[in-house]
Every structure is written in C-alpha cells, then in structure tokens.
Amino acid sequence: MRLEGADPARVDPDLAAVFKTQEETWGETLGPYLLYARRPSVFKAVRGMWDGLKASGLIEPALKALLNRRVAALNGCVF
C-alpha cells in the first residue's frame, strides 16, 4: 500500500474484533481493512455494506466465493 494502515494493536475494540476474525480465517489482517481503519467511520461503513449484503441473501455463498476470487485476481492478490 502507498499509505500506511492502522496499527491493529491500537484500534477500537470493535475493529480489533474484525481483525482477529480475519487473522483466524486468512492468517493475517487484510490490507484494505488496515487502510479503512485509519478512519473508523469508513471502516464501519464498509463492514455495514458487507453485513447488509450477507443479511439480504442476494448473493449466494458460491457466487460470493467466485466474486472474491475474481476481485483478488484483479488486485494481484495471492488468494
């Protein structure tokens, strides 16, 4: 990243809980979320979007997995 992300050890407890879940799931905190955490209101808005999509049931789990892989590939991510 061109900008330094937030220090996970120094963030709001709500954000820290998300980071802990990411570490358990992916083995590390995801870079974009470290950047979002520089502004907690932005972080919470992004999480709200994903939580809303999940609650709506509009995107099936299989499609979500395909979308995540496609976006990761477009971003040069190693997932």
C-alpha atoms as a PDB file:
ATOM      1  CA  MET A   1       0.000   0.000   0.000  1.00  0.00           C
ATOM      2  CA  ARG A   2       1.124   3.528  -0.640  1.00  0.00           C
ATOM      3  CA  LEU A   3      -0.450   4.619   2.637  1.00  0.00           C
ATOM      4  CA  GLU A   4       0.389   3.053   5.945  1.00  0.00           C
ATOM      5  CA  GLY A   5      -2.515   1.202   7.517  1.00  0.00           C
ATOM      6  CA  ALA A   6      -3.663   1.476  11.085  1.00  0.00           C
ATOM      7  CA  ASP A   7      -1.804  -0.407  13.795  1.00  0.00           C
ATOM      8  CA  PRO A   8      -4.105  -3.329  14.727  1.00  0.00           C
ATOM      9  CA  ALA A   9      -2.880  -3.160  18.325  1.00  0.00           C
ATOM     10  CA  ARG A  10      -4.090   0.435  18.667  1.00  0.00           C
ATOM     11  CA  VAL A  11      -7.592   0.375  17.150  1.00  0.00           C
ATOM     12  CA  ASP A  12     -11.074   0.499  18.615  1.00  0.00           C
ATOM     13  CA  PRO A  13     -12.133  -2.852  20.167  1.00  0.00           C
ATOM     14  CA  ASP A  14     -14.864  -3.325  17.522  1.00  0.00           C
ATOM     15  CA  LEU A  15     -12.287  -3.019  14.755  1.00  0.00           C
ATOM     16  CA  ALA A  16      -9.850  -5.239  16.637  1.00  0.00           C
ATOM     17  CA  ALA A  17     -12.502  -7.978  16.756  1.00  0.00           C
ATOM     18  CA  VAL A  18     -12.811  -7.857  12.955  1.00  0.00           C
ATOM     19  CA  PHE A  19      -9.025  -8.037  12.617  1.00  0.00           C
ATOM     20  CA  LYS A  20      -8.914 -11.053  14.938  1.00  0.00           C
ATOM     21  CA  THR A  21     -11.542 -12.841  12.826  1.00  0.00           C
ATOM     22  CA  GLN A  22      -9.582 -12.075   9.658  1.00  0.00           C
ATOM     23  CA  GLU A  23      -6.404 -13.455  11.229  1.00  0.00           C
ATOM     24  CA  GLU A  24      -8.230 -16.643  12.212  1.00  0.00           C
ATOM     25  CA  THR A  25      -9.756 -17.001   8.739  1.00  0.00           C
ATOM     26  CA  TRP A  26      -6.980 -15.794   6.441  1.00  0.00           C
ATOM     27  CA  GLY A  27      -3.873 -15.973   8.637  1.00  0.00           C
ATOM     28  CA  GLU A  28      -3.418 -12.192   8.600  1.00  0.00           C
ATOM     29  CA  THR A  29      -5.303  -8.923   8.699  1.00  0.00           C
ATOM     30  CA  LEU A  30      -6.415  -7.928   5.205  1.00  0.00           C
ATOM     31  CA  GLY A  31      -4.615  -4.870   3.860  1.00  0.00           C
ATOM     32  CA  PRO A  32      -7.651  -2.874   2.740  1.00  0.00           C
ATOM     33  CA  TYR A  33      -9.158  -3.111   6.215  1.00  0.00           C
ATOM     34  CA  LEU A  34      -5.980  -1.726   7.759  1.00  0.00           C
ATOM     35  CA  LEU A  35      -6.396   1.244   5.446  1.00  0.00           C
ATOM     36  CA  TYR A  36     -10.112   1.616   6.232  1.00  0.00           C
ATOM     37  CA  ALA A  37      -9.248   1.523   9.956  1.00  0.00           C
ATOM     38  CA  ARG A  38      -7.431   4.844   9.590  1.00  0.00           C
ATOM     39  CA  ARG A  39     -10.958   6.269   9.570  1.00  0.00           C
ATOM     40  CA  PRO A  40     -13.237   4.157  11.805  1.00  0.00           C
ATOM     41  CA  SER A  41     -16.381   5.648  10.245  1.00  0.00           C
ATOM     42  CA  VAL A  42     -15.251   4.390   6.814  1.00  0.00           C
ATOM     43  CA  PHE A  43     -14.313   1.007   8.284  1.00  0.00           C
ATOM     44  CA  LYS A  44     -17.750   0.640   9.856  1.00  0.00           C
ATOM     45  CA  ALA A  45     -19.465   1.718   6.621  1.00  0.00           C
ATOM     46  CA  VAL A  46     -17.593  -0.924   4.608  1.00  0.00           C
ATOM     47  CA  ARG A  47     -18.409  -3.590   7.188  1.00  0.00           C
ATOM     48  CA  GLY A  48     -22.039  -2.410   7.135  1.00  0.00           C
ATOM     49  CA  MET A  49     -22.180  -2.879   3.384  1.00  0.00           C
ATOM     50  CA  TRP A  50     -20.876  -6.455   3.613  1.00  0.00           C
ATOM     51  CA  ASP A  51     -23.129  -7.254   6.575  1.00  0.00           C
ATOM     52  CA  GLY A  52     -26.121  -5.851   4.660  1.00  0.00           C
ATOM     53  CA  LEU A  53     -25.341  -7.922   1.577  1.00  0.00           C
ATOM     54  CA  LYS A  54     -24.970 -11.022   3.720  1.00  0.00           C
ATOM     55  CA  ALA A  55     -28.259 -10.368   5.541  1.00  0.00           C
ATOM     56  CA  SER A  56     -30.132  -9.677   2.314  1.00  0.00           C
ATOM     57  CA  GLY A  57     -29.415 -13.108   0.886  1.00  0.00           C
ATOM     58  CA  LEU A  58     -28.976 -11.518  -2.559  1.00  0.00           C
ATOM     59  CA  ILE A  59     -25.583 -13.106  -3.155  1.00  0.00           C
ATOM     60  CA  GLU A  60     -25.364 -16.860  -2.772  1.00  0.00           C
ATOM     61  CA  PRO A  61     -22.272 -18.192  -0.971  1.00  0.00           C
ATOM     62  CA  ALA A  62     -20.906 -19.853  -4.117  1.00  0.00           C
ATOM     63  CA  LEU A  63     -21.235 -16.617  -6.088  1.00  0.00           C
ATOM     64  CA  LYS A  64     -19.641 -14.651  -3.252  1.00  0.00           C
ATOM     65  CA  ALA A  65     -16.644 -17.002  -3.329  1.00  0.00           C
ATOM     66  CA  LEU A  66     -16.298 -16.534  -7.097  1.00  0.00           C
ATOM     67  CA  LEU A  67     -16.583 -12.752  -6.777  1.00  0.00           C
ATOM     68  CA  ASN A  68     -13.950 -12.676  -4.027  1.00  0.00           C
ATOM     69  CA  ARG A  69     -11.553 -14.722  -6.140  1.00  0.00           C
ATOM     70  CA  ARG A  70     -12.120 -12.534  -9.190  1.00  0.00           C
ATOM     71  CA  VAL A  71     -11.557  -9.310  -7.276  1.00  0.00           C
ATOM     72  CA  ALA A  72      -8.463 -10.799  -5.638  1.00  0.00           C
ATOM     73  CA  ALA A  73      -7.089 -11.771  -9.042  1.00  0.00           C
ATOM     74  CA  LEU A  74      -7.765  -8.310 -10.448  1.00  0.00           C
ATOM     75  CA  ASN A  75      -5.916  -6.797  -7.493  1.00  0.00           C
ATOM     76  CA  GLY A  76      -2.962  -9.173  -7.817  1.00  0.00           C
ATOM     77  CA  CYS A  77      -3.819 -10.848  -4.522  1.00  0.00           C
ATOM     78  CA  VAL A  78      -2.423 -14.314  -3.844  1.00  0.00           C
ATOM     79  CA  PHE A  79      -5.693 -15.818  -2.588  1.00  0.00           C
END
